[in-house]
Protein backbone atom coordinates (compact mmCIF):
# COMPACT_ATOMS: atom_id res chain seq x y z
CA MET A 1 3.62 -88.62 21.30
CA SER A 2 0.83 -87.00 23.15
CA TYR A 3 -2.96 -87.55 23.10
CA LEU A 4 -5.71 -84.99 22.31
CA THR A 5 -8.15 -84.03 25.08
CA ALA A 6 -11.56 -85.19 24.65
CA THR A 7 -12.59 -81.68 23.67
CA GLU A 8 -9.90 -81.47 21.11
CA LEU A 9 -10.74 -84.77 19.58
CA ARG A 10 -14.34 -83.81 19.27
CA ALA A 11 -13.29 -80.60 17.54
CA LEU A 12 -11.15 -82.60 15.09
CA ILE A 13 -13.87 -85.07 14.30
CA GLN A 14 -16.44 -82.35 13.83
CA GLN A 15 -14.17 -79.93 12.06
CA THR A 16 -15.14 -77.10 14.41
CA PRO A 17 -13.93 -73.56 14.03
CA ALA A 18 -11.49 -74.11 16.73
CA TYR A 19 -9.99 -76.95 14.68
CA ARG A 20 -10.04 -74.88 11.45
CA ASN A 21 -8.22 -72.06 13.40
CA ALA A 22 -5.57 -74.54 14.61
CA GLN A 23 -5.20 -75.89 10.94
CA ALA A 24 -4.86 -72.30 9.59
CA ILE A 25 -1.95 -71.75 12.04
CA LEU A 26 -0.26 -75.07 11.12
CA ASN A 27 -0.71 -74.53 7.42
CA ASP A 28 0.27 -70.78 7.50
CA GLU A 29 -3.06 -69.77 6.35
CA TRP A 30 -4.15 -67.38 9.12
CA ALA A 31 -3.74 -64.41 6.91
CA ALA A 32 -5.61 -65.91 3.98
CA GLN A 33 -8.39 -66.68 6.45
CA ALA A 34 -8.45 -63.09 7.62
CA ALA A 35 -8.51 -61.79 4.04
CA GLU A 36 -11.79 -63.75 3.53
CA ASN A 37 -13.55 -61.46 5.98
CA PRO A 38 -11.68 -58.07 5.99
CA LEU A 39 -14.37 -56.57 8.26
CA PHE A 40 -13.43 -58.76 11.11
CA ARG A 41 -9.78 -59.99 11.57
CA ALA A 42 -9.77 -61.76 14.61
CA PRO A 43 -6.31 -62.26 16.31
CA MET A 44 -5.04 -65.73 17.08
CA THR A 45 -5.73 -66.94 20.71
CA VAL A 46 -3.61 -68.80 23.12
CA ALA A 47 -6.29 -71.54 22.74
CA ASP A 48 -5.78 -71.58 18.87
CA LEU A 49 -2.15 -71.89 19.51
CA LYS A 50 -2.34 -74.75 22.14
CA PHE A 51 -4.70 -76.59 19.85
CA ALA A 52 -2.23 -76.40 17.00
CA ARG A 53 0.68 -77.52 19.13
CA ASP A 54 -1.45 -80.44 20.56
CA LEU A 55 -2.25 -81.56 17.12
CA GLN A 56 1.40 -81.60 16.20
CA LEU A 57 2.12 -83.52 19.40
CA ALA A 58 -0.57 -86.06 18.75
CA GLY A 59 0.68 -86.74 15.22
CA VAL A 60 -2.30 -85.38 13.49
CA SER A 61 -0.19 -82.77 11.71
CA GLN A 62 3.56 -82.35 10.77
CA MET A 63 3.22 -78.89 9.48
CA GLY A 64 3.54 -75.59 11.30
CA PRO A 65 6.26 -73.94 13.38
CA ASP A 66 8.37 -75.90 15.94
CA PHE A 67 6.81 -74.78 19.18
CA THR A 68 9.81 -75.96 21.15
CA ASN A 69 12.58 -74.16 19.25
CA TYR A 70 13.25 -70.69 20.47
CA ALA A 71 14.74 -69.46 17.12
CA ALA A 72 11.85 -71.00 15.16
CA VAL A 73 9.32 -69.42 17.33
CA GLN A 74 10.83 -66.05 17.18
CA GLN A 75 10.85 -66.17 13.35
CA TRP A 76 7.28 -67.26 13.36
CA ILE A 77 6.37 -64.50 15.72
CA ALA A 78 8.08 -61.86 13.59
CA ILE A 79 6.12 -63.21 10.44
CA ASN A 80 2.75 -63.23 12.16
CA ARG A 81 3.07 -60.35 14.56
CA PRO A 82 0.01 -58.62 13.11
CA SER A 83 -2.28 -61.58 14.22
CA LEU A 84 -0.83 -62.13 17.74
CA THR A 85 -1.54 -60.46 20.94
CA ALA A 86 0.87 -59.91 23.78
CA ASP A 87 -0.56 -63.00 25.74
CA ASP A 88 -0.03 -65.15 22.43
CA ILE A 89 3.69 -64.05 22.28
CA ALA A 90 4.30 -64.76 25.92
CA TRP A 91 2.66 -68.28 25.68
CA LEU A 92 4.68 -69.07 22.58
CA GLN A 93 7.99 -67.95 24.32
CA GLN A 94 7.34 -69.69 27.61
CA ASN A 95 6.93 -73.12 25.83
CA CYS A 96 10.48 -72.99 24.19
CA GLU A 97 13.35 -75.25 25.51
């Protein structure tokens, strides 16, 4: 088990946009969130992905991709590629065991 940083804990408590982005990743709702505002479709960021992973490691959420499993990450990347940048993909792949 891991702990959230002070910034992450504050974001969780205050339900900030960063927290909502991480939750959208974990709940597989990023596309639905993007559909709410079709004029601005922001890609995921490494910060969003890291926060989602940290929420999992801290036990806050059991949902979402297994960020340590290469096959699971590759499958998740294939499904979410339109919302990912090259930096996101590199970060996801470097964290696999």
